[in-house]
Structure formats: structure tokens, C-alpha cells
Amino acid sequence: MENQNCIECGEPVKGRSDKKFCNDYCRNAYNNNINKENKNLIRNINNRLRKNLNILSELNTSGKTKITRTKLIDYNFDFNHFTSIYTTKTGNVYHYVYNQGYLKLENDYYLLIKRE
């Protein structure tokens, strides 16, 4: 058997010939470093979506509410993050953050709705 070194820390690896890491800590550290950028991006987007959902849920207690754009901005709502878009036959475009949606109306008003 050829002496191999851990690909994370460089220490000698004992055991099977195809083993790459000296222990679980090095294996986990190596894999976490590989996926760090993607995990941070996904975590940040999920946090933003969660915050948007909480804002819509807090402002839309009745299931259907009319509100100003300024009020949404005051709550730090981010219009760039949503989970889906639904266009009606009449051309109305609803943006959804999971089950909470909003529709742009005239004069900077928005209709908030909850999808059941």
C-alpha cells in the first residue's frame, strides 16, 4: 500500500487504499470549503425570501389588503426577490413569495393577497 496524505491537512492517511482524509473533521472541512460560495449565496437568498414573506404576512392579515409602495419600502421589502410569477388571462401580473402575493396597482399602490 502506498503512503497517502490527507488532501485537507497533509497528514498521513491510514486505512483503505482509496481513503482521502485522515479523519471526519478533515473530510467535513474540505467539503465545506468546496461548497462555501454556493452555500452563502443560497443562504442569503433564502434569508431575503424569508424576510419578504414575513413582511407580506405581517401587512396582509386579512388575506387581501391594499398598501402603498412606500409602506413596503419602509419595511425593507425587496421587490427583486420572489418565488414565482402568475399572469392572469386579463394580463395582471402577480408576484409571489411562497403563498403571499402582490399585484402592482395604479398610483404606487399594491394589492397583497394570500394564496390558499
Protein backbone atom coordinates (compact mmCIF):
# COMPACT_ATOMS: atom_id res chain seq x y z
CA MET A 1 0.00 0.00 0.00
CA GLU A 2 1.27 3.41 -1.00
CA ASN A 3 1.53 6.08 1.71
CA GLN A 4 -1.09 8.73 1.00
CA ASN A 5 -1.57 12.08 2.65
CA CYS A 6 -4.82 13.75 3.66
CA ILE A 7 -5.93 16.19 0.95
CA GLU A 8 -7.06 18.66 3.63
CA CYS A 9 -4.24 18.77 6.17
CA GLY A 10 -1.43 16.73 4.56
CA GLU A 11 -1.11 14.22 7.41
CA PRO A 12 -0.57 10.54 6.50
CA VAL A 13 -3.76 8.57 5.88
CA LYS A 14 -4.13 5.12 7.43
CA GLY A 15 -6.64 2.53 6.31
CA ARG A 16 -8.10 1.71 2.93
CA SER A 17 -6.07 2.43 -0.17
CA ASP A 18 -8.72 4.78 -1.61
CA LYS A 19 -9.09 6.84 1.57
CA LYS A 20 -8.51 10.59 1.02
CA PHE A 21 -8.83 12.06 4.52
CA CYS A 22 -7.21 11.28 7.85
CA ASN A 23 -10.44 11.83 9.84
CA ASP A 24 -14.04 13.10 9.68
CA TYR A 25 -13.04 16.63 10.66
CA CYS A 26 -10.76 16.97 7.60
CA ARG A 27 -13.38 15.43 5.30
CA ASN A 28 -16.04 17.87 6.54
CA ALA A 29 -13.70 20.88 6.40
CA TYR A 30 -12.66 20.03 2.83
CA ASN A 31 -16.27 19.62 1.60
CA ASN A 32 -17.47 22.75 3.43
CA ASN A 33 -14.74 24.81 1.78
CA ILE A 34 -15.63 23.50 -1.67
CA ASN A 35 -19.31 24.43 -1.27
CA LYS A 36 -18.86 27.65 0.74
CA GLU A 37 -19.63 30.16 -2.03
CA ASN A 38 -22.77 28.38 -3.21
CA LYS A 39 -23.99 27.85 0.34
CA ASN A 40 -23.53 31.53 1.19
CA LEU A 41 -25.41 32.62 -1.93
CA ILE A 42 -28.29 30.23 -1.25
CA ARG A 43 -28.41 31.16 2.45
CA ASN A 44 -28.53 34.89 1.61
CA ILE A 45 -31.31 34.44 -0.95
CA ASN A 46 -33.33 32.24 1.41
CA ASN A 47 -32.93 34.82 4.19
CA ARG A 48 -34.15 37.57 1.85
CA LEU A 49 -37.14 35.47 0.74
CA ARG A 50 -37.99 34.68 4.38
CA LYS A 51 -37.82 38.37 5.26
CA ASN A 52 -40.08 39.29 2.32
CA LEU A 53 -42.56 36.57 3.32
CA ASN A 54 -42.65 37.83 6.90
CA ILE A 55 -43.25 41.41 5.71
CA LEU A 56 -46.12 40.38 3.43
CA SER A 57 -47.64 38.14 6.13
CA GLU A 58 -47.45 40.92 8.71
CA LEU A 59 -49.02 43.52 6.43
CA ASN A 60 -51.68 41.21 4.96
CA THR A 61 -53.57 39.90 7.98
CA SER A 62 -56.97 39.68 6.25
CA GLY A 63 -55.85 37.76 3.15
CA LYS A 64 -56.44 40.74 0.85
CA THR A 65 -55.01 44.20 1.59
CA LYS A 66 -54.26 47.37 -0.35
CA ILE A 67 -51.00 49.12 0.59
CA THR A 68 -48.61 51.75 -0.73
CA ARG A 69 -45.19 51.04 -2.22
CA THR A 70 -43.72 53.43 0.36
CA LYS A 71 -45.06 51.28 3.20
CA LEU A 72 -43.45 48.16 1.70
CA ILE A 73 -40.15 50.03 1.28
CA ASP A 74 -40.39 51.27 4.89
CA TYR A 75 -40.43 47.61 5.93
CA ASN A 76 -37.35 46.98 3.70
CA PHE A 77 -39.29 44.81 1.28
CA ASP A 78 -37.08 43.71 -1.63
CA PHE A 79 -39.01 43.65 -4.92
CA ASN A 80 -36.18 41.70 -6.60
CA HIS A 81 -36.73 38.52 -4.58
CA PHE A 82 -39.84 36.42 -5.12
CA THR A 83 -40.53 32.73 -5.76
CA SER A 84 -42.99 32.81 -8.67
CA ILE A 85 -44.96 34.96 -11.08
CA TYR A 86 -48.57 34.38 -12.09
CA THR A 87 -50.13 36.21 -15.04
CA THR A 88 -53.93 36.19 -15.28
CA LYS A 89 -55.89 35.94 -18.52
CA THR A 90 -56.52 39.69 -18.28
CA GLY A 91 -52.78 40.39 -18.07
CA ASN A 92 -52.44 41.14 -14.35
CA VAL A 93 -49.02 40.04 -13.09
CA TYR A 94 -48.87 38.72 -9.52
CA HIS A 95 -45.50 38.18 -7.85
CA TYR A 96 -45.47 35.57 -5.09
CA VAL A 97 -43.19 34.91 -2.17
CA TYR A 98 -44.37 31.37 -1.49
CA ASN A 99 -48.08 31.79 -0.64
CA GLN A 100 -48.08 35.58 -0.22
CA GLY A 101 -48.54 37.62 -3.39
CA TYR A 102 -48.67 41.20 -4.55
CA LEU A 103 -50.05 42.96 -7.60
CA LYS A 104 -48.94 46.44 -8.69
CA LEU A 105 -51.92 48.78 -8.97
CA GLU A 106 -52.17 52.40 -10.10
CA ASN A 107 -50.65 55.34 -8.17
CA ASP A 108 -47.95 53.27 -6.43
CA TYR A 109 -50.46 51.03 -4.64
CA TYR A 110 -50.15 47.27 -4.29
CA LEU A 111 -52.75 44.62 -3.64
CA LEU A 112 -51.49 41.99 -1.20
CA ILE A 113 -53.15 38.60 -1.41
CA LYS A 114 -52.71 35.23 0.22
CA ARG A 115 -52.95 32.08 -1.91
CA GLU A 116 -54.74 29.28 -0.08
